[in-house]
Amino acid sequence: MNLNTIENVIPLVDFILNNIDFYTGYNLKYGYFDAAKLDEHKLFTLYDHDGDYITSWDLNDESDRADLMTRNFIWYDIVPYHKYISKLEIEHDNI
């Protein structure tokens, strides 16, 4: 079974996209990410908590798919992102 085919990569991408509001992730190569997007060209992009680009993979490209499938994603159970931002603002006001 070839794990690098688009049919096998899409479930991983779907999982990240469907859980990103409730979990933040840590990618062992690129660090923390808090947002992800799959565009109409099948470019899968990760962003940090400031909305800055971290990295992306072109799912049309076999080597990019293989690279994505070899990445280890560690998930952290946190509050949704908009609540996290509000919490930071409250903490900042109390300093």
N, C-alpha and C. Protein backbone atom coordinates (compact mmCIF):
# COMPACT_ATOMS: atom_id res chain seq x y z
N MET A 1 0.84 -1.18 0.00
CA MET A 1 0.00 0.00 0.00
C MET A 1 0.88 1.25 0.00
N ASN A 2 0.63 2.14 -0.92
CA ASN A 2 1.40 3.38 -1.01
C ASN A 2 0.73 4.45 -0.16
N LEU A 3 1.38 4.83 0.93
CA LEU A 3 0.81 5.82 1.84
C LEU A 3 0.90 7.24 1.29
N ASN A 4 1.61 7.43 0.19
CA ASN A 4 1.84 8.77 -0.32
C ASN A 4 0.86 9.18 -1.41
N THR A 5 -0.14 8.36 -1.70
CA THR A 5 -1.12 8.74 -2.70
C THR A 5 -2.04 9.80 -2.11
N ILE A 6 -2.64 10.59 -2.98
CA ILE A 6 -3.52 11.65 -2.51
C ILE A 6 -4.69 11.09 -1.72
N GLU A 7 -5.15 9.89 -2.08
CA GLU A 7 -6.27 9.28 -1.35
C GLU A 7 -5.90 8.96 0.09
N ASN A 8 -4.65 8.69 0.36
CA ASN A 8 -4.21 8.39 1.72
C ASN A 8 -3.79 9.63 2.50
N VAL A 9 -3.42 10.70 1.79
CA VAL A 9 -3.01 11.94 2.45
C VAL A 9 -4.23 12.74 2.88
N ILE A 10 -5.27 12.76 2.06
CA ILE A 10 -6.46 13.57 2.34
C ILE A 10 -7.07 13.28 3.72
N PRO A 11 -7.17 12.03 4.19
CA PRO A 11 -7.71 11.81 5.54
C PRO A 11 -6.90 12.52 6.64
N LEU A 12 -5.57 12.57 6.50
CA LEU A 12 -4.74 13.28 7.46
C LEU A 12 -5.05 14.77 7.42
N VAL A 13 -5.12 15.33 6.21
CA VAL A 13 -5.43 16.75 6.04
C VAL A 13 -6.82 17.05 6.60
N ASP A 14 -7.80 16.22 6.29
CA ASP A 14 -9.15 16.41 6.80
C ASP A 14 -9.17 16.38 8.33
N PHE A 15 -8.42 15.47 8.93
CA PHE A 15 -8.37 15.39 10.38
C PHE A 15 -7.84 16.68 10.98
N ILE A 16 -6.75 17.20 10.41
CA ILE A 16 -6.18 18.45 10.92
C ILE A 16 -7.17 19.59 10.75
N LEU A 17 -7.76 19.71 9.57
CA LEU A 17 -8.70 20.80 9.31
C LEU A 17 -9.93 20.72 10.20
N ASN A 18 -10.40 19.52 10.48
CA ASN A 18 -11.63 19.36 11.26
C ASN A 18 -11.41 19.47 12.75
N ASN A 19 -10.17 19.45 13.21
CA ASN A 19 -9.88 19.51 14.64
C ASN A 19 -9.09 20.74 15.06
N ILE A 20 -8.72 21.59 14.11
CA ILE A 20 -7.83 22.70 14.42
C ILE A 20 -8.47 23.73 15.35
N ASP A 21 -9.80 23.85 15.37
CA ASP A 21 -10.44 24.82 16.25
C ASP A 21 -10.34 24.43 17.72
N PHE A 22 -10.15 23.16 17.97
CA PHE A 22 -10.14 22.70 19.35
C PHE A 22 -8.78 22.19 19.81
N TYR A 23 -7.90 22.02 18.90
CA TYR A 23 -6.57 21.52 19.23
C TYR A 23 -5.53 22.35 18.51
N THR A 24 -4.45 22.61 19.17
CA THR A 24 -3.32 23.19 18.48
C THR A 24 -2.32 22.05 18.30
N GLY A 25 -1.44 22.21 17.38
CA GLY A 25 -0.51 21.14 17.10
C GLY A 25 0.93 21.58 17.17
N TYR A 26 1.78 20.59 17.24
CA TYR A 26 3.22 20.83 17.19
C TYR A 26 3.79 19.90 16.15
N ASN A 27 4.42 20.47 15.16
CA ASN A 27 5.06 19.70 14.11
C ASN A 27 6.54 19.65 14.45
N LEU A 28 7.11 18.45 14.49
CA LEU A 28 8.48 18.29 14.98
C LEU A 28 9.51 19.07 14.17
N LYS A 29 9.21 19.36 12.91
CA LYS A 29 10.17 20.12 12.09
C LYS A 29 9.90 21.61 12.16
N TYR A 30 8.61 22.01 12.17
CA TYR A 30 8.28 23.43 12.00
C TYR A 30 7.76 24.10 13.26
N GLY A 31 7.48 23.36 14.31
CA GLY A 31 7.02 23.96 15.55
C GLY A 31 5.51 24.04 15.66
N TYR A 32 5.02 24.97 16.52
CA TYR A 32 3.60 25.07 16.82
C TYR A 32 2.80 25.65 15.66
N PHE A 33 1.60 25.14 15.48
CA PHE A 33 0.67 25.73 14.52
C PHE A 33 -0.71 25.77 15.14
N ASP A 34 -1.47 26.81 14.77
CA ASP A 34 -2.81 27.00 15.32
C ASP A 34 -3.87 27.13 14.25
N ALA A 35 -3.47 27.08 12.99
CA ALA A 35 -4.44 27.19 11.90
C ALA A 35 -3.90 26.42 10.70
N ALA A 36 -4.82 25.94 9.90
CA ALA A 36 -4.45 25.21 8.69
C ALA A 36 -5.47 25.51 7.61
N LYS A 37 -5.02 25.41 6.36
CA LYS A 37 -5.92 25.70 5.24
C LYS A 37 -5.54 24.82 4.06
N LEU A 38 -6.56 24.32 3.37
CA LEU A 38 -6.36 23.60 2.11
C LEU A 38 -7.05 24.44 1.04
N ASP A 39 -6.28 24.98 0.08
CA ASP A 39 -6.90 25.83 -0.93
C ASP A 39 -7.38 25.03 -2.14
N GLU A 40 -7.95 25.72 -3.11
CA GLU A 40 -8.53 25.06 -4.27
C GLU A 40 -7.50 24.36 -5.16
N HIS A 41 -6.23 24.70 -4.98
CA HIS A 41 -5.16 24.06 -5.76
C HIS A 41 -4.53 22.89 -5.02
N LYS A 42 -5.13 22.51 -3.88
CA LYS A 42 -4.64 21.44 -3.01
C LYS A 42 -3.28 21.78 -2.37
N LEU A 43 -3.12 23.06 -2.05
CA LEU A 43 -1.96 23.50 -1.29
C LEU A 43 -2.39 23.53 0.18
N PHE A 44 -1.75 22.70 1.01
CA PHE A 44 -2.08 22.58 2.42
C PHE A 44 -1.08 23.39 3.22
N THR A 45 -1.57 24.39 3.97
CA THR A 45 -0.70 25.36 4.64
C THR A 45 -0.97 25.39 6.14
N LEU A 46 0.10 25.47 6.93
CA LEU A 46 0.00 25.64 8.39
C LEU A 46 0.40 27.06 8.76
N TYR A 47 -0.29 27.62 9.77
CA TYR A 47 -0.02 28.98 10.25
C TYR A 47 0.17 28.95 11.76
N ASP A 48 0.93 29.90 12.29
CA ASP A 48 1.09 29.99 13.75
C ASP A 48 -0.03 30.82 14.35
N HIS A 49 0.04 31.07 15.68
CA HIS A 49 -1.05 31.77 16.37
C HIS A 49 -1.15 33.24 15.98
N ASP A 50 -0.14 33.78 15.30
CA ASP A 50 -0.20 35.15 14.80
C ASP A 50 -0.74 35.21 13.38
N GLY A 51 -1.07 34.04 12.82
CA GLY A 51 -1.55 33.99 11.44
C GLY A 51 -0.42 34.00 10.43
N ASP A 52 0.82 33.84 10.91
CA ASP A 52 1.97 33.83 10.01
C ASP A 52 2.18 32.44 9.42
N TYR A 53 2.61 32.41 8.19
CA TYR A 53 2.90 31.18 7.47
C TYR A 53 4.00 30.39 8.17
N ILE A 54 3.78 29.08 8.32
CA ILE A 54 4.82 28.21 8.85
C ILE A 54 5.40 27.37 7.72
N THR A 55 4.55 26.60 7.08
CA THR A 55 5.00 25.75 5.99
C THR A 55 3.79 25.30 5.18
N SER A 56 4.06 24.71 4.02
CA SER A 56 2.96 24.20 3.20
C SER A 56 3.44 23.00 2.39
N TRP A 57 2.46 22.23 1.95
CA TRP A 57 2.71 21.07 1.10
C TRP A 57 1.75 21.13 -0.09
N ASP A 58 2.26 20.90 -1.28
CA ASP A 58 1.43 20.81 -2.48
C ASP A 58 0.99 19.36 -2.61
N LEU A 59 -0.28 19.10 -2.36
CA LEU A 59 -0.75 17.72 -2.37
C LEU A 59 -0.78 17.11 -3.77
N ASN A 60 -0.56 17.93 -4.80
CA ASN A 60 -0.45 17.41 -6.17
C ASN A 60 0.94 16.85 -6.43
N ASP A 61 1.89 17.16 -5.56
CA ASP A 61 3.28 16.77 -5.74
C ASP A 61 3.60 15.53 -4.90
N GLU A 62 4.11 14.50 -5.53
CA GLU A 62 4.36 13.23 -4.83
C GLU A 62 5.36 13.38 -3.69
N SER A 63 6.42 14.15 -3.90
CA SER A 63 7.42 14.30 -2.83
C SER A 63 6.87 15.11 -1.66
N ASP A 64 6.02 16.12 -1.94
CA ASP A 64 5.38 16.87 -0.86
C ASP A 64 4.43 15.98 -0.06
N ARG A 65 3.68 15.13 -0.76
CA ARG A 65 2.78 14.20 -0.05
C ARG A 65 3.58 13.26 0.83
N ALA A 66 4.68 12.74 0.30
CA ALA A 66 5.52 11.83 1.09
C ALA A 66 6.07 12.54 2.32
N ASP A 67 6.48 13.79 2.15
CA ASP A 67 7.02 14.57 3.27
C ASP A 67 5.95 14.79 4.34
N LEU A 68 4.75 15.16 3.91
CA LEU A 68 3.66 15.38 4.86
C LEU A 68 3.35 14.11 5.64
N MET A 69 3.34 12.98 4.97
CA MET A 69 3.01 11.72 5.63
C MET A 69 4.08 11.26 6.60
N THR A 70 5.30 11.78 6.48
CA THR A 70 6.36 11.39 7.42
C THR A 70 6.45 12.35 8.60
N ARG A 71 5.69 13.43 8.59
CA ARG A 71 5.73 14.39 9.70
C ARG A 71 4.98 13.83 10.89
N ASN A 72 5.49 14.12 12.06
CA ASN A 72 4.81 13.75 13.31
C ASN A 72 4.09 14.97 13.85
N PHE A 73 2.78 14.84 14.04
CA PHE A 73 1.99 15.92 14.59
C PHE A 73 1.58 15.55 16.01
N ILE A 74 1.92 16.42 16.95
CA ILE A 74 1.56 16.22 18.34
C ILE A 74 0.43 17.19 18.65
N TRP A 75 -0.68 16.69 19.19
CA TRP A 75 -1.85 17.52 19.43
C TRP A 75 -1.98 17.86 20.91
N TYR A 76 -2.36 19.09 21.18
CA TYR A 76 -2.55 19.55 22.54
C TYR A 76 -4.01 19.95 22.74
N ASP A 77 -4.60 19.49 23.83
CA ASP A 77 -5.98 19.81 24.13
C ASP A 77 -6.02 21.19 24.76
N ILE A 78 -6.54 22.17 24.04
CA ILE A 78 -6.63 23.53 24.54
C ILE A 78 -8.01 24.08 24.22
N VAL A 79 -8.28 25.28 24.70
CA VAL A 79 -9.55 25.94 24.38
C VAL A 79 -9.51 26.39 22.92
N PRO A 80 -10.68 26.63 22.33
CA PRO A 80 -10.68 27.15 20.96
C PRO A 80 -9.88 28.43 20.85
N TYR A 81 -9.34 28.68 19.68
CA TYR A 81 -8.40 29.78 19.45
C TYR A 81 -8.97 31.13 19.89
N HIS A 82 -10.23 31.45 19.55
CA HIS A 82 -10.78 32.77 19.90
C HIS A 82 -10.88 32.93 21.41
N LYS A 83 -11.11 31.84 22.15
CA LYS A 83 -11.14 31.93 23.60
C LYS A 83 -9.73 32.08 24.16
N TYR A 84 -8.76 31.47 23.49
CA TYR A 84 -7.36 31.59 23.90
C TYR A 84 -6.91 33.04 23.79
N ILE A 85 -7.28 33.70 22.70
CA ILE A 85 -6.92 35.11 22.51
C ILE A 85 -7.55 35.96 23.61
N SER A 86 -8.82 35.71 23.92
CA SER A 86 -9.49 36.47 24.98
C SER A 86 -8.80 36.27 26.32
N LYS A 87 -8.38 35.04 26.59
CA LYS A 87 -7.69 34.74 27.85
C LYS A 87 -6.37 35.52 27.93
N LEU A 88 -5.65 35.59 26.82
CA LEU A 88 -4.39 36.35 26.81
C LEU A 88 -4.65 37.83 27.07
N GLU A 89 -5.71 38.37 26.49
CA GLU A 89 -6.03 39.78 26.69
C GLU A 89 -6.37 40.06 28.14
N ILE A 90 -7.11 39.13 28.79
CA ILE A 90 -7.45 39.31 30.21
C ILE A 90 -6.20 39.24 31.06
N GLU A 91 -5.31 38.28 30.79
CA GLU A 91 -4.08 38.16 31.56
C GLU A 91 -3.21 39.40 31.39
N HIS A 92 -3.15 39.93 30.16
CA HIS A 92 -2.35 41.10 29.89
C HIS A 92 -2.88 42.31 30.65
N ASP A 93 -4.20 42.45 30.73
CA ASP A 93 -4.81 43.57 31.45
C ASP A 93 -4.53 43.50 32.94
N ASN A 94 -4.29 42.30 33.47
CA ASN A 94 -4.05 42.14 34.91
C ASN A 94 -2.58 42.28 35.30
N ILE A 95 -1.73 42.50 34.32
CA ILE A 95 -0.29 42.61 34.63
C ILE A 95 0.02 43.97 35.21
